[in-house]
Full PDB file with SEQRES, HELIX, SHEET, SSBOND, CRYST1, ORIGX, SCALE, CONECT and MASTER records, all heavy atoms in Angstrom:
SEQRES   1 A   40  THR TYR TRP GLY PHE ILE ALA LEU ILE VAL ILE LYS GLY          
SEQRES   2 A   40  VAL PHE TYR SER MET GLY ILE SER ALA TRP VAL LEU VAL          
SEQRES   3 A   40  PRO ILE THR MET PRO ILE MET LEU ALA GLY ILE GLU ALA          
SEQRES   4 A   40  ASN                                                          
HELIX    1 AA1 TYR A    2  SER A   17  1                                  16    
HELIX    2 AA2 ALA A   22  LEU A   25  5                                   4    
HELIX    3 AA3 VAL A   26  ALA A   39  1                                  14    
CRYST1    1.000    1.000    1.000  90.00  90.00  90.00 P 1           1          
ORIGX1      1.000000  0.000000  0.000000        0.00000                         
ORIGX2      0.000000  1.000000  0.000000        0.00000                         
ORIGX3      0.000000  0.000000  1.000000        0.00000                         
SCALE1      1.000000  0.000000  0.000000        0.00000                         
SCALE2      0.000000  1.000000  0.000000        0.00000                         
SCALE3      0.000000  0.000000  1.000000        0.00000                         
ATOM      1  N   THR A   1       0.861  -1.188   0.000  1.00  0.00           N  
ATOM      2  CA  THR A   1       0.000   0.000   0.000  1.00  0.00           C  
ATOM      3  C   THR A   1       0.896   1.236   0.000  1.00  0.00           C  
ATOM      4  O   THR A   1       2.056   1.168   0.437  1.00  0.00           O  
ATOM      5  CB  THR A   1      -0.906   0.042   1.248  1.00  0.00           C  
ATOM      6  OG1 THR A   1      -0.094   0.196   2.417  1.00  0.00           O  
ATOM      7  CG2 THR A   1      -1.740  -1.231   1.360  1.00  0.00           C  
ATOM      8  N   TYR A   2       0.362   2.351  -0.462  1.00  0.00           N  
ATOM      9  CA  TYR A   2       1.184   3.566  -0.530  1.00  0.00           C  
ATOM     10  C   TYR A   2       1.722   3.946   0.848  1.00  0.00           C  
ATOM     11  O   TYR A   2       2.927   4.150   1.020  1.00  0.00           O  
ATOM     12  CB  TYR A   2       0.380   4.730  -1.119  1.00  0.00           C  
ATOM     13  CG  TYR A   2       1.105   6.061  -0.997  1.00  0.00           C  
ATOM     14  CD1 TYR A   2       2.206   6.337  -1.793  1.00  0.00           C  
ATOM     15  CD2 TYR A   2       0.701   7.018  -0.060  1.00  0.00           C  
ATOM     16  CE1 TYR A   2       2.894   7.530  -1.674  1.00  0.00           C  
ATOM     17  CE2 TYR A   2       1.376   8.216   0.068  1.00  0.00           C  
ATOM     18  CZ  TYR A   2       2.473   8.471  -0.742  1.00  0.00           C  
ATOM     19  OH  TYR A   2       3.155   9.650  -0.613  1.00  0.00           O  
ATOM     20  N   TRP A   3       0.826   4.040   1.844  1.00  0.00           N  
ATOM     21  CA  TRP A   3       1.255   4.508   3.160  1.00  0.00           C  
ATOM     22  C   TRP A   3       2.153   3.492   3.856  1.00  0.00           C  
ATOM     23  O   TRP A   3       3.097   3.860   4.573  1.00  0.00           O  
ATOM     24  CB  TRP A   3       0.045   4.856   4.031  1.00  0.00           C  
ATOM     25  CG  TRP A   3      -0.648   6.100   3.555  1.00  0.00           C  
ATOM     26  CD1 TRP A   3      -1.893   6.205   3.006  1.00  0.00           C  
ATOM     27  CD2 TRP A   3      -0.099   7.430   3.537  1.00  0.00           C  
ATOM     28  NE1 TRP A   3      -2.171   7.507   2.651  1.00  0.00           N  
ATOM     29  CE2 TRP A   3      -1.080   8.280   2.964  1.00  0.00           C  
ATOM     30  CE3 TRP A   3       1.116   7.987   3.946  1.00  0.00           C  
ATOM     31  CZ2 TRP A   3      -0.892   9.648   2.805  1.00  0.00           C  
ATOM     32  CZ3 TRP A   3       1.317   9.356   3.783  1.00  0.00           C  
ATOM     33  CH2 TRP A   3       0.318  10.169   3.216  1.00  0.00           C  
ATOM     34  N   GLY A   4       1.899   2.216   3.653  1.00  0.00           N  
ATOM     35  CA  GLY A   4       2.774   1.193   4.226  1.00  0.00           C  
ATOM     36  C   GLY A   4       4.154   1.242   3.608  1.00  0.00           C  
ATOM     37  O   GLY A   4       5.179   1.177   4.307  1.00  0.00           O  
ATOM     38  N   PHE A   5       4.192   1.361   2.282  1.00  0.00           N  
ATOM     39  CA  PHE A   5       5.451   1.456   1.535  1.00  0.00           C  
ATOM     40  C   PHE A   5       6.256   2.676   1.992  1.00  0.00           C  
ATOM     41  O   PHE A   5       7.442   2.566   2.327  1.00  0.00           O  
ATOM     42  CB  PHE A   5       5.125   1.549   0.042  1.00  0.00           C  
ATOM     43  CG  PHE A   5       6.290   1.842  -0.850  1.00  0.00           C  
ATOM     44  CD1 PHE A   5       7.279   0.897  -1.064  1.00  0.00           C  
ATOM     45  CD2 PHE A   5       6.398   3.064  -1.500  1.00  0.00           C  
ATOM     46  CE1 PHE A   5       8.350   1.163  -1.910  1.00  0.00           C  
ATOM     47  CE2 PHE A   5       7.454   3.344  -2.338  1.00  0.00           C  
ATOM     48  CZ  PHE A   5       8.442   2.389  -2.537  1.00  0.00           C  
ATOM     49  N   ILE A   6       5.598   3.829   2.045  1.00  0.00           N  
ATOM     50  CA  ILE A   6       6.268   5.067   2.439  1.00  0.00           C  
ATOM     51  C   ILE A   6       6.738   4.996   3.882  1.00  0.00           C  
ATOM     52  O   ILE A   6       7.860   5.422   4.219  1.00  0.00           O  
ATOM     53  CB  ILE A   6       5.333   6.283   2.240  1.00  0.00           C  
ATOM     54  CG1 ILE A   6       5.022   6.470   0.748  1.00  0.00           C  
ATOM     55  CG2 ILE A   6       5.943   7.557   2.831  1.00  0.00           C  
ATOM     56  CD1 ILE A   6       6.232   6.712  -0.130  1.00  0.00           C  
ATOM     57  N   ALA A   7       5.900   4.450   4.770  1.00  0.00           N  
ATOM     58  CA  ALA A   7       6.254   4.373   6.188  1.00  0.00           C  
ATOM     59  C   ALA A   7       7.533   3.575   6.394  1.00  0.00           C  
ATOM     60  O   ALA A   7       8.424   3.986   7.161  1.00  0.00           O  
ATOM     61  CB  ALA A   7       5.106   3.745   6.983  1.00  0.00           C  
ATOM     62  N   LEU A   8       7.654   2.445   5.700  1.00  0.00           N  
ATOM     63  CA  LEU A   8       8.851   1.614   5.840  1.00  0.00           C  
ATOM     64  C   LEU A   8      10.104   2.345   5.364  1.00  0.00           C  
ATOM     65  O   LEU A   8      11.161   2.266   6.001  1.00  0.00           O  
ATOM     66  CB  LEU A   8       8.672   0.306   5.066  1.00  0.00           C  
ATOM     67  CG  LEU A   8       7.721  -0.716   5.712  1.00  0.00           C  
ATOM     68  CD1 LEU A   8       7.362  -1.815   4.713  1.00  0.00           C  
ATOM     69  CD2 LEU A   8       8.343  -1.320   6.958  1.00  0.00           C  
ATOM     70  N   ILE A   9       9.985   3.077   4.254  1.00  0.00           N  
ATOM     71  CA  ILE A   9      11.139   3.814   3.718  1.00  0.00           C  
ATOM     72  C   ILE A   9      11.518   4.954   4.658  1.00  0.00           C  
ATOM     73  O   ILE A   9      12.704   5.171   4.945  1.00  0.00           O  
ATOM     74  CB  ILE A   9      10.831   4.388   2.311  1.00  0.00           C  
ATOM     75  CG1 ILE A   9      10.310   3.304   1.364  1.00  0.00           C  
ATOM     76  CG2 ILE A   9      12.068   5.069   1.734  1.00  0.00           C  
ATOM     77  CD1 ILE A   9      11.179   2.096   1.247  1.00  0.00           C  
ATOM     78  N   VAL A  10      10.532   5.681   5.159  1.00  0.00           N  
ATOM     79  CA  VAL A  10      10.798   6.829   6.031  1.00  0.00           C  
ATOM     80  C   VAL A  10      11.372   6.369   7.373  1.00  0.00           C  
ATOM     81  O   VAL A  10      12.300   6.994   7.901  1.00  0.00           O  
ATOM     82  CB  VAL A  10       9.517   7.667   6.242  1.00  0.00           C  
ATOM     83  CG1 VAL A  10       9.723   8.717   7.334  1.00  0.00           C  
ATOM     84  CG2 VAL A  10       9.112   8.343   4.932  1.00  0.00           C  
ATOM     85  N   ILE A  11      10.840   5.284   7.923  1.00  0.00           N  
ATOM     86  CA  ILE A  11      11.368   4.758   9.190  1.00  0.00           C  
ATOM     87  C   ILE A  11      12.849   4.409   9.049  1.00  0.00           C  
ATOM     88  O   ILE A  11      13.670   4.726   9.921  1.00  0.00           O  
ATOM     89  CB  ILE A  11      10.554   3.527   9.651  1.00  0.00           C  
ATOM     90  CG1 ILE A  11       9.171   3.960  10.135  1.00  0.00           C  
ATOM     91  CG2 ILE A  11      11.282   2.779  10.770  1.00  0.00           C  
ATOM     92  CD1 ILE A  11       8.199   2.824  10.345  1.00  0.00           C  
ATOM     93  N   LYS A  12      13.203   3.766   7.941  1.00  0.00           N  
ATOM     94  CA  LYS A  12      14.611   3.441   7.696  1.00  0.00           C  
ATOM     95  C   LYS A  12      15.448   4.715   7.623  1.00  0.00           C  
ATOM     96  O   LYS A  12      16.562   4.771   8.153  1.00  0.00           O  
ATOM     97  CB  LYS A  12      14.747   2.646   6.394  1.00  0.00           C  
ATOM     98  CG  LYS A  12      14.254   1.212   6.511  1.00  0.00           C  
ATOM     99  CD  LYS A  12      14.115   0.544   5.160  1.00  0.00           C  
ATOM    100  CE  LYS A  12      15.435   0.255   4.518  1.00  0.00           C  
ATOM    101  NZ  LYS A  12      15.276  -0.510   3.247  1.00  0.00           N  
ATOM    102  N   GLY A  13      14.901   5.759   6.975  1.00  0.00           N  
ATOM    103  CA  GLY A  13      15.605   7.035   6.869  1.00  0.00           C  
ATOM    104  C   GLY A  13      15.787   7.711   8.217  1.00  0.00           C  
ATOM    105  O   GLY A  13      16.847   8.279   8.501  1.00  0.00           O  
ATOM    106  N   VAL A  14      14.753   7.654   9.058  1.00  0.00           N  
ATOM    107  CA  VAL A  14      14.832   8.237  10.404  1.00  0.00           C  
ATOM    108  C   VAL A  14      15.912   7.530  11.215  1.00  0.00           C  
ATOM    109  O   VAL A  14      16.754   8.172  11.866  1.00  0.00           O  
ATOM    110  CB  VAL A  14      13.464   8.150  11.121  1.00  0.00           C  
ATOM    111  CG1 VAL A  14      13.602   8.540  12.593  1.00  0.00           C  
ATOM    112  CG2 VAL A  14      12.446   9.052  10.438  1.00  0.00           C  
ATOM    113  N   PHE A  15      15.911   6.201  11.174  1.00  0.00           N  
ATOM    114  CA  PHE A  15      16.930   5.438  11.896  1.00  0.00           C  
ATOM    115  C   PHE A  15      18.327   5.807  11.416  1.00  0.00           C  
ATOM    116  O   PHE A  15      19.240   6.035  12.221  1.00  0.00           O  
ATOM    117  CB  PHE A  15      16.711   3.930  11.704  1.00  0.00           C  
ATOM    118  CG  PHE A  15      15.614   3.350  12.550  1.00  0.00           C  
ATOM    119  CD1 PHE A  15      15.254   2.022  12.430  1.00  0.00           C  
ATOM    120  CD2 PHE A  15      14.921   4.125  13.462  1.00  0.00           C  
ATOM    121  CE1 PHE A  15      14.249   1.468  13.209  1.00  0.00           C  
ATOM    122  CE2 PHE A  15      13.907   3.592  14.239  1.00  0.00           C  
ATOM    123  CZ  PHE A  15      13.571   2.258  14.114  1.00  0.00           C  
ATOM    124  N   TYR A  16      18.477   5.858  10.091  1.00  0.00           N  
ATOM    125  CA  TYR A  16      19.794   6.135   9.507  1.00  0.00           C  
ATOM    126  C   TYR A  16      20.285   7.534   9.900  1.00  0.00           C  
ATOM    127  O   TYR A  16      21.467   7.725  10.191  1.00  0.00           O  
ATOM    128  CB  TYR A  16      19.714   5.999   7.995  1.00  0.00           C  
ATOM    129  CG  TYR A  16      21.045   5.822   7.293  1.00  0.00           C  
ATOM    130  CD1 TYR A  16      22.204   5.499   7.986  1.00  0.00           C  
ATOM    131  CD2 TYR A  16      21.137   5.971   5.911  1.00  0.00           C  
ATOM    132  CE1 TYR A  16      23.411   5.333   7.332  1.00  0.00           C  
ATOM    133  CE2 TYR A  16      22.340   5.805   5.249  1.00  0.00           C  
ATOM    134  CZ  TYR A  16      23.478   5.490   5.963  1.00  0.00           C  
ATOM    135  OH  TYR A  16      24.669   5.331   5.317  1.00  0.00           O  
ATOM    136  N   SER A  17      19.381   8.504   9.933  1.00  0.00           N  
ATOM    137  CA  SER A  17      19.763   9.872  10.293  1.00  0.00           C  
ATOM    138  C   SER A  17      20.186   9.979  11.754  1.00  0.00           C  
ATOM    139  O   SER A  17      20.809  10.961  12.154  1.00  0.00           O  
ATOM    140  CB  SER A  17      18.608  10.840  10.009  1.00  0.00           C  
ATOM    141  OG  SER A  17      17.554  10.662  10.941  1.00  0.00           O  
ATOM    142  N   MET A  18      19.839   8.963  12.558  1.00  0.00           N  
ATOM    143  CA  MET A  18      20.251   8.922  13.964  1.00  0.00           C  
ATOM    144  C   MET A  18      21.459   7.999  14.170  1.00  0.00           C  
ATOM    145  O   MET A  18      21.834   7.696  15.295  1.00  0.00           O  
ATOM    146  CB  MET A  18      19.086   8.457  14.842  1.00  0.00           C  
ATOM    147  CG  MET A  18      17.906   9.405  14.843  1.00  0.00           C  
ATOM    148  SD  MET A  18      16.663   8.992  16.082  1.00  0.00           S  
ATOM    149  CE  MET A  18      16.153   7.364  15.554  1.00  0.00           C  
ATOM    150  N   GLY A  19      22.022   7.519  13.068  1.00  0.00           N  
ATOM    151  CA  GLY A  19      23.193   6.664  13.173  1.00  0.00           C  
ATOM    152  C   GLY A  19      22.871   5.229  13.502  1.00  0.00           C  
ATOM    153  O   GLY A  19      23.765   4.460  13.864  1.00  0.00           O  
ATOM    154  N   ILE A  20      21.596   4.846  13.378  1.00  0.00           N  
ATOM    155  CA  ILE A  20      21.173   3.469  13.656  1.00  0.00           C  
ATOM    156  C   ILE A  20      21.051   2.734  12.326  1.00  0.00           C  
ATOM    157  O   ILE A  20      20.319   3.166  11.440  1.00  0.00           O  
ATOM    158  CB  ILE A  20      19.820   3.436  14.400  1.00  0.00           C  
ATOM    159  CG1 ILE A  20      19.915   4.206  15.719  1.00  0.00           C  
ATOM    160  CG2 ILE A  20      19.369   2.006  14.640  1.00  0.00           C  
ATOM    161  CD1 ILE A  20      18.578   4.468  16.367  1.00  0.00           C  
ATOM    162  N   SER A  21      21.757   1.644  12.207  1.00  0.00           N  
ATOM    163  CA  SER A  21      21.740   0.898  10.948  1.00  0.00           C  
ATOM    164  C   SER A  21      20.342   0.385  10.632  1.00  0.00           C  
ATOM    165  O   SER A  21      19.650  -0.160  11.501  1.00  0.00           O  
ATOM    166  CB  SER A  21      22.711  -0.282  11.031  1.00  0.00           C  
ATOM    167  OG  SER A  21      22.578  -1.107   9.897  1.00  0.00           O  
ATOM    168  N   ALA A  22      19.932   0.572   9.387  1.00  0.00           N  
ATOM    169  CA  ALA A  22      18.628   0.058   8.940  1.00  0.00           C  
ATOM    170  C   ALA A  22      18.601  -1.462   8.924  1.00  0.00           C  
ATOM    171  O   ALA A  22      17.542  -2.061   8.725  1.00  0.00           O  
ATOM    172  CB  ALA A  22      18.309   0.612   7.549  1.00  0.00           C  
ATOM    173  N   TRP A  23      19.749  -2.084   9.173  1.00  0.00           N  
ATOM    174  CA  TRP A  23      19.800  -3.549   9.228  1.00  0.00           C  
ATOM    175  C   TRP A  23      18.961  -4.105  10.364  1.00  0.00           C  
ATOM    176  O   TRP A  23      18.634  -5.293  10.380  1.00  0.00           O  
ATOM    177  CB  TRP A  23      21.249  -4.019   9.374  1.00  0.00           C  
ATOM    178  CG  TRP A  23      21.919  -4.169   8.058  1.00  0.00           C  
ATOM    179  CD1 TRP A  23      22.639  -3.229   7.387  1.00  0.00           C  
ATOM    180  CD2 TRP A  23      21.908  -5.329   7.222  1.00  0.00           C  
ATOM    181  NE1 TRP A  23      23.073  -3.726   6.185  1.00  0.00           N  
ATOM    182  CE2 TRP A  23      22.653  -5.015   6.061  1.00  0.00           C  
ATOM    183  CE3 TRP A  23      21.351  -6.591   7.336  1.00  0.00           C  
ATOM    184  CZ2 TRP A  23      22.838  -5.917   5.034  1.00  0.00           C  
ATOM    185  CZ3 TRP A  23      21.539  -7.501   6.313  1.00  0.00           C  
ATOM    186  CH2 TRP A  23      22.286  -7.158   5.174  1.00  0.00           C  
ATOM    187  N   VAL A  24      18.610  -3.241  11.339  1.00  0.00           N  
ATOM    188  CA  VAL A  24      17.743  -3.699  12.420  1.00  0.00           C  
ATOM    189  C   VAL A  24      16.391  -4.168  11.880  1.00  0.00           C  
ATOM    190  O   VAL A  24      15.709  -4.998  12.474  1.00  0.00           O  
ATOM    191  CB  VAL A  24      17.564  -2.579  13.482  1.00  0.00           C  
ATOM    192  CG1 VAL A  24      16.704  -1.446  12.962  1.00  0.00           C  
ATOM    193  CG2 VAL A  24      16.988  -3.150  14.781  1.00  0.00           C  
ATOM    194  N   LEU A  25      15.991  -3.637  10.712  1.00  0.00           N  
ATOM    195  CA  LEU A  25      14.707  -3.991  10.097  1.00  0.00           C  
ATOM    196  C   LEU A  25      14.818  -5.116   9.074  1.00  0.00           C  
ATOM    197  O   LEU A  25      13.796  -5.619   8.601  1.00  0.00           O  
ATOM    198  CB  LEU A  25      14.107  -2.754   9.411  1.00  0.00           C  
ATOM    199  CG  LEU A  25      13.760  -1.560  10.307  1.00  0.00           C  
ATOM    200  CD1 LEU A  25      13.334  -0.370   9.461  1.00  0.00           C  
ATOM    201  CD2 LEU A  25      12.675  -1.916  11.300  1.00  0.00           C  
ATOM    202  N   VAL A  26      16.042  -5.499   8.743  1.00  0.00           N  
ATOM    203  CA  VAL A  26      16.254  -6.473   7.663  1.00  0.00           C  
ATOM    204  C   VAL A  26      15.557  -7.814   7.904  1.00  0.00           C  
ATOM    205  O   VAL A  26      15.002  -8.395   6.961  1.00  0.00           O  
ATOM    206  CB  VAL A  26      17.769  -6.655   7.407  1.00  0.00           C  
ATOM    207  CG1 VAL A  26      18.060  -7.939   6.650  1.00  0.00           C  
ATOM    208  CG2 VAL A  26      18.291  -5.468   6.610  1.00  0.00           C  
ATOM    209  N   PRO A  27      15.554  -8.353   9.145  1.00  0.00           N  
ATOM    210  CA  PRO A  27      14.843  -9.624   9.338  1.00  0.00           C  
ATOM    211  C   PRO A  27      13.371  -9.572   8.949  1.00  0.00           C  
ATOM    212  O   PRO A  27      12.766 -10.594   8.647  1.00  0.00           O  
ATOM    213  CB  PRO A  27      14.998  -9.870  10.851  1.00  0.00           C  
ATOM    214  CG  PRO A  27      16.260  -9.178  11.214  1.00  0.00           C  
ATOM    215  CD  PRO A  27      16.283  -7.944  10.358  1.00  0.00           C  
ATOM    216  N   ILE A  28      12.787  -8.362   8.954  1.00  0.00           N  
ATOM    217  CA  ILE A  28      11.390  -8.205   8.548  1.00  0.00           C  
ATOM    218  C   ILE A  28      11.292  -7.849   7.067  1.00  0.00           C  
ATOM    219  O   ILE A  28      10.507  -8.434   6.323  1.00  0.00           O  
ATOM    220  CB  ILE A  28      10.697  -7.107   9.391  1.00  0.00           C  
ATOM    221  CG1 ILE A  28      10.681  -7.511  10.875  1.00  0.00           C  
ATOM    222  CG2 ILE A  28       9.273  -6.851   8.901  1.00  0.00           C  
ATOM    223  CD1 ILE A  28      10.249  -6.407  11.800  1.00  0.00           C  
ATOM    224  N   THR A  29      12.112  -6.875   6.636  1.00  0.00           N  
ATOM    225  CA  THR A  29      11.956  -6.332   5.279  1.00  0.00           C  
ATOM    226  C   THR A  29      12.531  -7.231   4.186  1.00  0.00           C  
ATOM    227  O   THR A  29      11.958  -7.318   3.100  1.00  0.00           O  
ATOM    228  CB  THR A  29      12.607  -4.938   5.176  1.00  0.00           C  
ATOM    229  OG1 THR A  29      14.005  -5.030   5.518  1.00  0.00           O  
ATOM    230  CG2 THR A  29      11.926  -3.956   6.120  1.00  0.00           C  
ATOM    231  N   MET A  30      13.660  -7.897   4.457  1.00  0.00           N  
ATOM    232  CA  MET A  30      14.306  -8.684   3.405  1.00  0.00           C  
ATOM    233  C   MET A  30      13.424  -9.821   2.883  1.00  0.00           C  
ATOM    234  O   MET A  30      13.288  -9.988   1.659  1.00  0.00           O  
ATOM    235  CB  MET A  30      15.657  -9.217   3.887  1.00  0.00           C  
ATOM    236  CG  MET A  30      16.426 -10.002   2.832  1.00  0.00           C  
ATOM    237  SD  MET A  30      16.873  -9.005   1.369  1.00  0.00           S  
ATOM    238  CE  MET A  30      18.315  -8.147   1.971  1.00  0.00           C  
ATOM    239  N   PRO A  31      12.791 -10.631   3.756  1.00  0.00           N  
ATOM    240  CA  PRO A  31      11.908 -11.682   3.222  1.00  0.00           C  
ATOM    241  C   PRO A  31      10.765 -11.128   2.383  1.00  0.00           C  
ATOM    242  O   PRO A  31      10.385 -11.724   1.370  1.00  0.00           O  
ATOM    243  CB  PRO A  31      11.376 -12.369   4.488  1.00  0.00           C  
ATOM    244  CG  PRO A  31      12.402 -12.093   5.538  1.00  0.00           C  
ATOM    245  CD  PRO A  31      12.914 -10.725   5.220  1.00  0.00           C  
ATOM    246  N   ILE A  32      10.208  -9.969   2.797  1.00  0.00           N  
ATOM    247  CA  ILE A  32       9.109  -9.355   2.044  1.00  0.00           C  
ATOM    248  C   ILE A  32       9.606  -8.907   0.666  1.00  0.00           C  
ATOM    249  O   ILE A  32       8.962  -9.144  -0.355  1.00  0.00           O  
ATOM    250  CB  ILE A  32       8.513  -8.159   2.806  1.00  0.00           C  
ATOM    251  CG1 ILE A  32       7.919  -8.613   4.141  1.00  0.00           C  
ATOM    252  CG2 ILE A  32       7.435  -7.468   1.971  1.00  0.00           C  
ATOM    253  CD1 ILE A  32       7.491  -7.464   5.035  1.00  0.00           C  
ATOM    254  N   MET A  33      10.777  -8.266   0.649  1.00  0.00           N  
ATOM    255  CA  MET A  33      11.338  -7.774  -0.613  1.00  0.00           C  
ATOM    256  C   MET A  33      11.642  -8.912  -1.580  1.00  0.00           C  
ATOM    257  O   MET A  33      11.334  -8.839  -2.771  1.00  0.00           O  
ATOM    258  CB  MET A  33      12.613  -6.970  -0.340  1.00  0.00           C  
ATOM    259  CG  MET A  33      12.366  -5.581   0.207  1.00  0.00           C  
ATOM    260  SD  MET A  33      13.923  -4.670   0.370  1.00  0.00           S  
ATOM    261  CE  MET A  33      13.346  -2.987   0.167  1.00  0.00           C  
ATOM    262  N   LEU A  34      12.250  -9.969  -1.056  1.00  0.00           N  
ATOM    263  CA  LEU A  34      12.627 -11.091  -1.925  1.00  0.00           C  
ATOM    264  C   LEU A  34      11.403 -11.838  -2.445  1.00  0.00           C  
ATOM    265  O   LEU A  34      11.363 -12.243  -3.609  1.00  0.00           O  
ATOM    266  CB  LEU A  34      13.557 -12.038  -1.163  1.00  0.00           C  
ATOM    267  CG  LEU A  34      14.949 -11.478  -0.843  1.00  0.00           C  
ATOM    268  CD1 LEU A  34      15.733 -12.450   0.021  1.00  0.00           C  
ATOM    269  CD2 LEU A  34      15.727 -11.151  -2.113  1.00  0.00           C  
ATOM    270  N   ALA A  35      10.407 -12.007  -1.584  1.00  0.00           N  
ATOM    271  CA  ALA A  35       9.161 -12.652  -2.035  1.00  0.00           C  
ATOM    272  C   ALA A  35       8.465 -11.791  -3.081  1.00  0.00           C  
ATOM    273  O   ALA A  35       7.880 -12.302  -4.045  1.00  0.00           O  
ATOM    274  CB  ALA A  35       8.240 -12.891  -0.846  1.00  0.00           C  
ATOM    275  N   GLY A  36       8.551 -10.470  -2.903  1.00  0.00           N  
ATOM    276  CA  GLY A  36       7.929  -9.537  -3.846  1.00  0.00           C  
ATOM    277  C   GLY A  36       8.540  -9.615  -5.230  1.00  0.00           C  
ATOM    278  O   GLY A  36       7.823  -9.690  -6.233  1.00  0.00           O  
ATOM    279  N   ILE A  37       9.876  -9.626  -5.287  1.00  0.00           N  
ATOM    280  CA  ILE A  37      10.523  -9.665  -6.607  1.00  0.00           C  
ATOM    281  C   ILE A  37      10.362 -11.043  -7.240  1.00  0.00           C  
ATOM    282  O   ILE A  37      10.277 -11.153  -8.465  1.00  0.00           O  
ATOM    283  CB  ILE A  37      12.019  -9.266  -6.516  1.00  0.00           C  
ATOM    284  CG1 ILE A  37      12.581  -8.983  -7.922  1.00  0.00           C  
ATOM    285  CG2 ILE A  37      12.844 -10.324  -5.822  1.00  0.00           C  
ATOM    286  CD1 ILE A  37      11.907  -7.871  -8.675  1.00  0.00           C  
ATOM    287  N   GLU A  38      10.282 -12.089  -6.406  1.00  0.00           N  
ATOM    288  CA  GLU A  38      10.049 -13.437  -6.948  1.00  0.00           C  
ATOM    289  C   GLU A  38       8.690 -13.502  -7.649  1.00  0.00           C  
ATOM    290  O   GLU A  38       8.557 -14.106  -8.718  1.00  0.00           O  
ATOM    291  CB  GLU A  38      10.119 -14.469  -5.817  1.00  0.00           C  
ATOM    292  CG  GLU A  38      10.244 -15.897  -6.309  1.00  0.00           C  
ATOM    293  CD  GLU A  38      10.530 -16.874  -5.189  1.00  0.00           C  
ATOM    294  OE1 GLU A  38       9.608 -17.138  -4.390  1.00  0.00           O  
ATOM    295  OE2 GLU A  38      11.662 -17.369  -5.097  1.00  0.00           O  
ATOM    296  N   ALA A  39       7.678 -12.851  -7.053  1.00  0.00           N  
ATOM    297  CA  ALA A  39       6.348 -12.802  -7.667  1.00  0.00           C  
ATOM    298  C   ALA A  39       6.375 -11.976  -8.949  1.00  0.00           C  
ATOM    299  O   ALA A  39       5.710 -12.314  -9.940  1.00  0.00           O  
ATOM    300  CB  ALA A  39       5.333 -12.229  -6.683  1.00  0.00           C  
ATOM    301  N   ASN A  40       7.168 -10.882  -8.952  1.00  0.00           N  
ATOM    302  CA  ASN A  40       7.304 -10.062 -10.159  1.00  0.00           C  
ATOM    303  C   ASN A  40       7.940 -10.859 -11.297  1.00  0.00           C  
ATOM    304  O   ASN A  40       7.513 -10.779 -12.452  1.00  0.00           O  
ATOM    305  CB  ASN A  40       8.151  -8.822  -9.868  1.00  0.00           C  
ATOM    306  CG  ASN A  40       7.422  -7.784  -9.035  1.00  0.00           C  
ATOM    307  OD1 ASN A  40       6.305  -8.015  -8.586  1.00  0.00           O  
ATOM    308  ND2 ASN A  40       8.056  -6.645  -8.809  1.00  0.00           N  
TER     309      ASN A  40                                                      
MASTER        0    0    0    3    0    0    0    6  308    1    0    4          
END                                                                             
């Protein structure tokens, strides 16, 4: 969804701007991303 997609990107940006690696979200985001491109 638009707001879900944007929220995930912005949250990663907020973390990064505070010096927190976005890798903290990878266990959640990576499986979703890989499943998404597999469907594409």
